[in-house]
N, C-alpha and C. Protein backbone atom coordinates (compact mmCIF):
# COMPACT_ATOMS: atom_id res chain seq x y z
N MET A 1 76.38 83.86 -84.08
CA MET A 1 76.71 83.10 -82.88
C MET A 1 75.52 83.05 -81.94
N GLU A 2 74.78 84.14 -81.86
CA GLU A 2 73.62 84.20 -80.96
C GLU A 2 72.55 83.19 -81.38
N ASN A 3 72.33 83.01 -82.71
CA ASN A 3 71.35 82.04 -83.18
C ASN A 3 71.74 80.63 -82.80
N LEU A 4 73.02 80.31 -82.90
CA LEU A 4 73.51 78.99 -82.50
C LEU A 4 73.27 78.77 -81.02
N GLN A 5 73.53 79.76 -80.20
CA GLN A 5 73.30 79.66 -78.76
C GLN A 5 71.82 79.43 -78.47
N GLN A 6 70.95 80.16 -79.15
CA GLN A 6 69.51 79.99 -78.96
C GLN A 6 69.08 78.58 -79.35
N THR A 7 69.62 78.05 -80.43
CA THR A 7 69.30 76.71 -80.88
C THR A 7 69.73 75.69 -79.84
N LYS A 8 70.90 75.88 -79.27
CA LYS A 8 71.38 74.97 -78.23
C LYS A 8 70.48 75.05 -77.00
N GLU A 9 70.08 76.24 -76.62
CA GLU A 9 69.19 76.42 -75.47
C GLU A 9 67.84 75.75 -75.72
N ASP A 10 67.30 75.90 -76.92
CA ASP A 10 66.05 75.23 -77.28
C ASP A 10 66.18 73.72 -77.17
N PHE A 11 67.31 73.20 -77.64
CA PHE A 11 67.59 71.77 -77.57
C PHE A 11 67.60 71.29 -76.12
N ILE A 12 68.25 72.03 -75.27
CA ILE A 12 68.34 71.68 -73.85
C ILE A 12 66.96 71.69 -73.21
N ILE A 13 66.21 72.74 -73.44
CA ILE A 13 64.87 72.87 -72.85
C ILE A 13 63.96 71.75 -73.34
N SER A 14 64.03 71.46 -74.63
CA SER A 14 63.20 70.40 -75.21
C SER A 14 63.51 69.05 -74.56
N ASN A 15 64.78 68.75 -74.39
CA ASN A 15 65.17 67.48 -73.79
C ASN A 15 64.82 67.42 -72.31
N ARG A 16 64.90 68.53 -71.63
CA ARG A 16 64.50 68.60 -70.22
C ARG A 16 63.02 68.23 -70.10
N PHE A 17 62.21 68.76 -71.02
CA PHE A 17 60.77 68.48 -71.04
C PHE A 17 60.50 67.00 -71.34
N ILE A 18 61.21 66.44 -72.31
CA ILE A 18 61.05 65.02 -72.68
C ILE A 18 61.42 64.12 -71.51
N ILE A 19 62.55 64.37 -70.87
CA ILE A 19 62.99 63.54 -69.74
C ILE A 19 62.02 63.66 -68.59
N GLY A 20 61.55 64.86 -68.30
CA GLY A 20 60.57 65.05 -67.24
C GLY A 20 59.30 64.27 -67.50
N GLY A 21 58.85 64.27 -68.76
CA GLY A 21 57.66 63.51 -69.12
C GLY A 21 57.84 62.03 -68.95
N GLU A 22 59.02 61.53 -69.26
CA GLU A 22 59.31 60.10 -69.07
C GLU A 22 59.32 59.75 -67.59
N ILE A 23 59.89 60.62 -66.78
CA ILE A 23 59.89 60.38 -65.34
C ILE A 23 58.45 60.33 -64.83
N ARG A 24 57.60 61.24 -65.30
CA ARG A 24 56.18 61.23 -64.91
C ARG A 24 55.54 59.89 -65.27
N LYS A 25 55.80 59.39 -66.48
CA LYS A 25 55.22 58.11 -66.92
C LYS A 25 55.64 56.97 -65.98
N TYR A 26 56.93 56.92 -65.62
CA TYR A 26 57.40 55.87 -64.71
C TYR A 26 56.78 56.03 -63.33
N ARG A 27 56.65 57.27 -62.87
CA ARG A 27 56.03 57.50 -61.56
C ARG A 27 54.58 57.01 -61.55
N GLU A 28 53.84 57.36 -62.59
CA GLU A 28 52.44 56.96 -62.67
C GLU A 28 52.31 55.44 -62.82
N LYS A 29 53.20 54.84 -63.61
CA LYS A 29 53.20 53.38 -63.78
C LYS A 29 53.43 52.68 -62.44
N LYS A 30 54.27 53.27 -61.63
CA LYS A 30 54.57 52.72 -60.31
C LYS A 30 53.43 52.97 -59.32
N GLY A 31 52.53 53.87 -59.66
CA GLY A 31 51.39 54.18 -58.80
C GLY A 31 51.70 55.18 -57.70
N TYR A 32 52.79 55.94 -57.87
CA TYR A 32 53.18 56.91 -56.86
C TYR A 32 52.59 58.28 -57.19
N SER A 33 52.16 58.98 -56.16
CA SER A 33 51.83 60.39 -56.31
C SER A 33 53.14 61.18 -56.28
N GLN A 34 53.08 62.44 -56.67
CA GLN A 34 54.26 63.29 -56.55
C GLN A 34 54.69 63.39 -55.09
N ASP A 35 53.72 63.48 -54.19
CA ASP A 35 54.04 63.56 -52.76
C ASP A 35 54.80 62.33 -52.28
N ARG A 36 54.33 61.16 -52.70
CA ARG A 36 54.96 59.90 -52.27
C ARG A 36 56.40 59.82 -52.78
N LEU A 37 56.58 60.11 -54.07
CA LEU A 37 57.93 60.04 -54.64
C LEU A 37 58.84 61.07 -53.99
N ALA A 38 58.34 62.26 -53.77
CA ALA A 38 59.14 63.30 -53.12
C ALA A 38 59.59 62.85 -51.74
N SER A 39 58.68 62.22 -51.01
CA SER A 39 59.02 61.72 -49.68
C SER A 39 60.11 60.66 -49.75
N LEU A 40 59.98 59.74 -50.69
CA LEU A 40 61.00 58.68 -50.85
C LEU A 40 62.36 59.26 -51.21
N MET A 41 62.37 60.30 -52.04
CA MET A 41 63.62 60.88 -52.52
C MET A 41 64.18 61.94 -51.59
N GLY A 42 63.38 62.41 -50.64
CA GLY A 42 63.86 63.44 -49.73
C GLY A 42 63.92 64.82 -50.36
N ILE A 43 63.00 65.08 -51.31
CA ILE A 43 62.91 66.39 -51.94
C ILE A 43 61.45 66.85 -51.88
N SER A 44 61.18 68.06 -52.31
CA SER A 44 59.82 68.58 -52.22
C SER A 44 58.96 68.12 -53.40
N ARG A 45 57.66 68.11 -53.18
CA ARG A 45 56.72 67.79 -54.25
C ARG A 45 56.83 68.82 -55.37
N ALA A 46 57.07 70.07 -55.00
CA ALA A 46 57.22 71.14 -56.00
C ALA A 46 58.40 70.85 -56.92
N THR A 47 59.48 70.31 -56.38
CA THR A 47 60.64 69.96 -57.21
C THR A 47 60.28 68.86 -58.18
N ILE A 48 59.56 67.83 -57.72
CA ILE A 48 59.11 66.76 -58.61
C ILE A 48 58.28 67.36 -59.75
N SER A 49 57.35 68.24 -59.40
CA SER A 49 56.50 68.87 -60.40
C SER A 49 57.32 69.65 -61.43
N LYS A 50 58.27 70.43 -60.95
CA LYS A 50 59.11 71.22 -61.86
C LYS A 50 59.92 70.31 -62.79
N ILE A 51 60.45 69.22 -62.27
CA ILE A 51 61.23 68.28 -63.08
C ILE A 51 60.33 67.65 -64.14
N GLU A 52 59.17 67.18 -63.73
CA GLU A 52 58.26 66.53 -64.67
C GLU A 52 57.76 67.47 -65.76
N ASN A 53 57.71 68.74 -65.47
CA ASN A 53 57.25 69.74 -66.44
C ASN A 53 58.39 70.43 -67.19
N GLY A 54 59.61 69.92 -67.03
CA GLY A 54 60.75 70.46 -67.75
C GLY A 54 61.18 71.84 -67.32
N LYS A 55 60.85 72.23 -66.10
CA LYS A 55 61.14 73.57 -65.60
C LYS A 55 62.32 73.61 -64.63
N PHE A 56 63.02 72.48 -64.47
CA PHE A 56 64.08 72.40 -63.47
C PHE A 56 65.21 71.54 -64.02
N ALA A 57 66.39 72.08 -64.06
CA ALA A 57 67.57 71.32 -64.47
C ALA A 57 68.08 70.57 -63.25
N PHE A 58 68.08 69.26 -63.33
CA PHE A 58 68.48 68.48 -62.17
C PHE A 58 69.75 67.69 -62.42
N SER A 59 70.36 67.23 -61.37
CA SER A 59 71.67 66.58 -61.44
C SER A 59 71.56 65.10 -61.82
N ILE A 60 72.69 64.54 -62.16
CA ILE A 60 72.78 63.11 -62.41
C ILE A 60 72.41 62.34 -61.15
N ASP A 61 72.72 62.88 -60.00
CA ASP A 61 72.36 62.22 -58.74
C ASP A 61 70.84 62.10 -58.61
N TYR A 62 70.11 63.15 -58.99
CA TYR A 62 68.64 63.08 -58.98
C TYR A 62 68.16 62.01 -59.95
N LEU A 63 68.76 61.97 -61.14
CA LEU A 63 68.37 60.98 -62.13
C LEU A 63 68.58 59.57 -61.58
N ALA A 64 69.69 59.35 -60.90
CA ALA A 64 69.95 58.04 -60.29
C ALA A 64 68.92 57.71 -59.22
N LYS A 65 68.51 58.71 -58.43
CA LYS A 65 67.47 58.48 -57.42
C LYS A 65 66.14 58.12 -58.07
N PHE A 66 65.79 58.84 -59.14
CA PHE A 66 64.56 58.50 -59.86
C PHE A 66 64.62 57.07 -60.37
N ALA A 67 65.75 56.70 -60.97
CA ALA A 67 65.91 55.35 -61.51
C ALA A 67 65.77 54.30 -60.40
N TRP A 68 66.33 54.57 -59.25
CA TRP A 68 66.27 53.64 -58.12
C TRP A 68 64.82 53.46 -57.65
N HIS A 69 64.14 54.56 -57.41
CA HIS A 69 62.79 54.50 -56.84
C HIS A 69 61.72 54.11 -57.86
N LEU A 70 61.96 54.40 -59.13
CA LEU A 70 60.95 54.11 -60.15
C LEU A 70 61.31 52.89 -61.00
N ASP A 71 62.46 52.31 -60.72
CA ASP A 71 62.90 51.06 -61.35
C ASP A 71 63.03 51.18 -62.87
N PHE A 72 63.90 52.10 -63.31
CA PHE A 72 64.22 52.16 -64.73
C PHE A 72 65.73 52.25 -64.91
N ASP A 73 66.17 51.89 -66.10
CA ASP A 73 67.59 51.84 -66.43
C ASP A 73 68.03 53.17 -67.04
N ILE A 74 69.13 53.71 -66.59
CA ILE A 74 69.64 54.97 -67.15
C ILE A 74 70.95 54.78 -67.91
N THR A 75 71.27 53.55 -68.26
CA THR A 75 72.50 53.29 -68.99
C THR A 75 72.45 53.99 -70.34
N ILE A 76 73.46 54.77 -70.64
CA ILE A 76 73.51 55.49 -71.91
C ILE A 76 74.66 55.04 -72.79
N PHE A 77 75.53 54.22 -72.25
CA PHE A 77 76.66 53.72 -73.02
C PHE A 77 76.52 52.22 -73.20
N GLU A 78 76.91 51.74 -74.37
CA GLU A 78 76.89 50.30 -74.58
C GLU A 78 77.96 49.67 -73.71
N LYS A 79 77.68 48.48 -73.22
CA LYS A 79 78.63 47.82 -72.33
C LYS A 79 79.98 47.62 -72.97
N ARG A 80 80.03 47.39 -74.26
CA ARG A 80 81.32 47.16 -74.93
C ARG A 80 82.21 48.40 -74.85
N LEU A 81 81.64 49.57 -74.71
CA LEU A 81 82.43 50.79 -74.62
C LEU A 81 83.09 50.93 -73.26
N LEU A 82 82.57 50.24 -72.26
CA LEU A 82 83.11 50.35 -70.92
C LEU A 82 84.29 49.41 -70.69
N ASN A 83 84.51 48.48 -71.58
CA ASN A 83 85.61 47.50 -71.41
C ASN A 83 86.93 48.05 -71.89
């Protein structure tokens, strides 16, 4: 059971790192510094850094704020599933 838990934890950490890296790419594409984005979102630059480096588990609300300010789509369900 412990090995399964470790595998799940590794999966979570890996995906946190991947998502953070994607957020960094969108931020850089938009031409924002971490300071600028943090100011727009009302959070600290250190939090932006931790998220981009996969060191911070953040909420869906944060993800929505990133999507708003960096102009990317976070839809994970096909529209036909919502009908």
